[in-house]
Amino acid sequence: MKEVSKNNRTCKNGHNYFKTSDCPTCPICEAERKPNSGFLSVLSAPARRALESKNIKTAKDLSQYTQKEIMSLHGIGPSSLPKLLGELKKYGLMFKD
């Protein structure tokens, strides 16, 4: 069985953590940034960052995009779609046509 090597890293905020991939994201900083409520709080960190990169913070913001545009964002995967659709439905909104 192949042994996975973990690299000890320190982020710019001084957190020490181990990573097995080349991903530069500090898991401690990500956990601190995660919202406590709202639909962004139920998404994975990559999906949340993808939406935040487009300044999408509310269902109304989300409704300004087509489903295809959202699904093409790096970090948004098939498991995010039901959560996004549920949030839109909760407010009587839909993705843009």
C-alpha atoms as a PDB file:
ATOM      1  CA  MET A   1       0.000   0.000   0.000  1.00  0.00           C
ATOM      2  CA  LYS A   2       1.332   3.426  -0.972  1.00  0.00           C
ATOM      3  CA  GLU A   3       2.097   5.742   1.934  1.00  0.00           C
ATOM      4  CA  VAL A   4       0.697   9.267   1.641  1.00  0.00           C
ATOM      5  CA  SER A   5       3.125  11.954   2.751  1.00  0.00           C
ATOM      6  CA  LYS A   6       1.712  14.917   4.604  1.00  0.00           C
ATOM      7  CA  ASN A   7       3.362  18.287   4.363  1.00  0.00           C
ATOM      8  CA  ASN A   8       3.433  20.503   7.423  1.00  0.00           C
ATOM      9  CA  ARG A   9       2.451  24.022   6.427  1.00  0.00           C
ATOM     10  CA  THR A  10       1.855  27.392   8.029  1.00  0.00           C
ATOM     11  CA  CYS A  11      -0.636  29.846   6.549  1.00  0.00           C
ATOM     12  CA  LYS A  12      -0.249  33.627   6.477  1.00  0.00           C
ATOM     13  CA  ASN A  13      -2.328  33.808   9.680  1.00  0.00           C
ATOM     14  CA  GLY A  14       0.102  31.543  11.519  1.00  0.00           C
ATOM     15  CA  HIS A  15      -2.018  28.373  11.583  1.00  0.00           C
ATOM     16  CA  ASN A  16      -0.037  25.127  11.377  1.00  0.00           C
ATOM     17  CA  TYR A  17      -1.697  22.305   9.435  1.00  0.00           C
ATOM     18  CA  PHE A  18      -0.870  19.236   7.371  1.00  0.00           C
ATOM     19  CA  LYS A  19      -1.857  18.780   3.715  1.00  0.00           C
ATOM     20  CA  THR A  20      -1.398  15.842   1.378  1.00  0.00           C
ATOM     21  CA  SER A  21      -2.268  17.841  -1.743  1.00  0.00           C
ATOM     22  CA  ASP A  22      -0.932  20.993  -3.382  1.00  0.00           C
ATOM     23  CA  CYS A  23      -4.057  22.908  -2.344  1.00  0.00           C
ATOM     24  CA  PRO A  24      -2.922  26.167  -0.700  1.00  0.00           C
ATOM     25  CA  THR A  25      -6.106  26.651   1.350  1.00  0.00           C
ATOM     26  CA  CYS A  26      -5.689  26.562   5.125  1.00  0.00           C
ATOM     27  CA  PRO A  27      -8.443  24.364   6.617  1.00  0.00           C
ATOM     28  CA  ILE A  28      -8.395  26.336   9.877  1.00  0.00           C
ATOM     29  CA  CYS A  29      -8.943  29.661   8.090  1.00  0.00           C
ATOM     30  CA  GLU A  30     -11.698  28.051   5.970  1.00  0.00           C
ATOM     31  CA  ALA A  31     -13.499  26.775   9.078  1.00  0.00           C
ATOM     32  CA  GLU A  32     -13.322  30.245  10.631  1.00  0.00           C
ATOM     33  CA  ARG A  33     -14.742  31.854   7.460  1.00  0.00           C
ATOM     34  CA  LYS A  34     -17.675  29.455   7.116  1.00  0.00           C
ATOM     35  CA  PRO A  35     -21.001  31.242   7.706  1.00  0.00           C
ATOM     36  CA  ASN A  36     -23.184  29.988  10.557  1.00  0.00           C
ATOM     37  CA  SER A  37     -26.432  30.430   8.641  1.00  0.00           C
ATOM     38  CA  GLY A  38     -27.806  30.946   5.153  1.00  0.00           C
ATOM     39  CA  PHE A  39     -27.414  28.756   2.122  1.00  0.00           C
ATOM     40  CA  LEU A  40     -23.661  29.338   1.876  1.00  0.00           C
ATOM     41  CA  SER A  41     -23.301  27.570   5.239  1.00  0.00           C
ATOM     42  CA  VAL A  42     -24.543  24.245   3.811  1.00  0.00           C
ATOM     43  CA  LEU A  43     -22.229  24.232   0.794  1.00  0.00           C
ATOM     44  CA  SER A  44     -18.766  22.747   0.595  1.00  0.00           C
ATOM     45  CA  ALA A  45     -15.874  25.190   0.919  1.00  0.00           C
ATOM     46  CA  PRO A  46     -14.998  25.022  -2.820  1.00  0.00           C
ATOM     47  CA  ALA A  47     -18.633  25.668  -3.798  1.00  0.00           C
ATOM     48  CA  ARG A  48     -18.910  28.519  -1.318  1.00  0.00           C
ATOM     49  CA  ARG A  49     -15.695  30.120  -2.611  1.00  0.00           C
ATOM     50  CA  ALA A  50     -16.929  29.768  -6.211  1.00  0.00           C
ATOM     51  CA  LEU A  51     -20.117  31.677  -5.429  1.00  0.00           C
ATOM     52  CA  GLU A  52     -18.292  34.252  -3.317  1.00  0.00           C
ATOM     53  CA  SER A  53     -15.916  34.883  -6.221  1.00  0.00           C
ATOM     54  CA  LYS A  54     -18.955  36.068  -8.208  1.00  0.00           C
ATOM     55  CA  ASN A  55     -20.296  38.036  -5.195  1.00  0.00           C
ATOM     56  CA  ILE A  56     -23.263  35.662  -4.865  1.00  0.00           C
ATOM     57  CA  LYS A  57     -24.422  35.874  -1.256  1.00  0.00           C
ATOM     58  CA  THR A  58     -28.218  35.558  -1.456  1.00  0.00           C
ATOM     59  CA  ALA A  59     -30.861  33.639  -3.366  1.00  0.00           C
ATOM     60  CA  LYS A  60     -31.655  36.825  -5.269  1.00  0.00           C
ATOM     61  CA  ASP A  61     -27.997  37.097  -6.342  1.00  0.00           C
ATOM     62  CA  LEU A  62     -28.086  33.440  -7.408  1.00  0.00           C
ATOM     63  CA  SER A  63     -31.232  33.995  -9.501  1.00  0.00           C
ATOM     64  CA  GLN A  64     -29.328  36.440 -11.718  1.00  0.00           C
ATOM     65  CA  TYR A  65     -27.373  33.531 -13.267  1.00  0.00           C
ATOM     66  CA  THR A  66     -28.355  30.584 -15.437  1.00  0.00           C
ATOM     67  CA  GLN A  67     -27.983  27.094 -14.042  1.00  0.00           C
ATOM     68  CA  LYS A  68     -25.355  26.427 -16.705  1.00  0.00           C
ATOM     69  CA  GLU A  69     -23.315  29.464 -15.619  1.00  0.00           C
ATOM     70  CA  ILE A  70     -23.365  28.350 -11.980  1.00  0.00           C
ATOM     71  CA  MET A  71     -22.536  24.722 -12.798  1.00  0.00           C
ATOM     72  CA  SER A  72     -19.553  25.868 -14.881  1.00  0.00           C
ATOM     73  CA  LEU A  73     -17.898  27.528 -11.873  1.00  0.00           C
ATOM     74  CA  HIS A  74     -14.863  25.702 -10.533  1.00  0.00           C
ATOM     75  CA  GLY A  75     -15.922  24.233  -7.181  1.00  0.00           C
ATOM     76  CA  ILE A  76     -19.603  23.760  -7.981  1.00  0.00           C
ATOM     77  CA  GLY A  77     -20.494  20.114  -8.461  1.00  0.00           C
ATOM     78  CA  PRO A  78     -23.612  17.994  -8.826  1.00  0.00           C
ATOM     79  CA  SER A  79     -24.093  17.732  -5.054  1.00  0.00           C
ATOM     80  CA  SER A  80     -24.396  21.527  -4.805  1.00  0.00           C
ATOM     81  CA  LEU A  81     -27.280  21.780  -7.250  1.00  0.00           C
ATOM     82  CA  PRO A  82     -30.094  20.438  -5.003  1.00  0.00           C
ATOM     83  CA  LYS A  83     -29.019  22.831  -2.242  1.00  0.00           C
ATOM     84  CA  LEU A  84     -29.001  25.781  -4.638  1.00  0.00           C
ATOM     85  CA  LEU A  85     -32.358  24.846  -6.157  1.00  0.00           C
ATOM     86  CA  GLY A  86     -33.821  24.453  -2.666  1.00  0.00           C
ATOM     87  CA  GLU A  87     -32.646  27.921  -1.702  1.00  0.00           C
ATOM     88  CA  LEU A  88     -34.153  29.455  -4.838  1.00  0.00           C
ATOM     89  CA  LYS A  89     -37.443  27.607  -4.314  1.00  0.00           C
ATOM     90  CA  LYS A  90     -37.634  28.782  -0.691  1.00  0.00           C
ATOM     91  CA  TYR A  91     -37.863  32.375  -1.957  1.00  0.00           C
ATOM     92  CA  GLY A  92     -39.998  31.656  -5.036  1.00  0.00           C
ATOM     93  CA  LEU A  93     -37.055  32.241  -7.385  1.00  0.00           C
ATOM     94  CA  MET A  94     -35.496  30.340 -10.261  1.00  0.00           C
ATOM     95  CA  PHE A  95     -32.272  30.380 -12.199  1.00  0.00           C
ATOM     96  CA  LYS A  96     -32.273  32.870 -15.086  1.00  0.00           C
ATOM     97  CA  ASP A  97     -33.371  31.360 -18.423  1.00  0.00           C
END
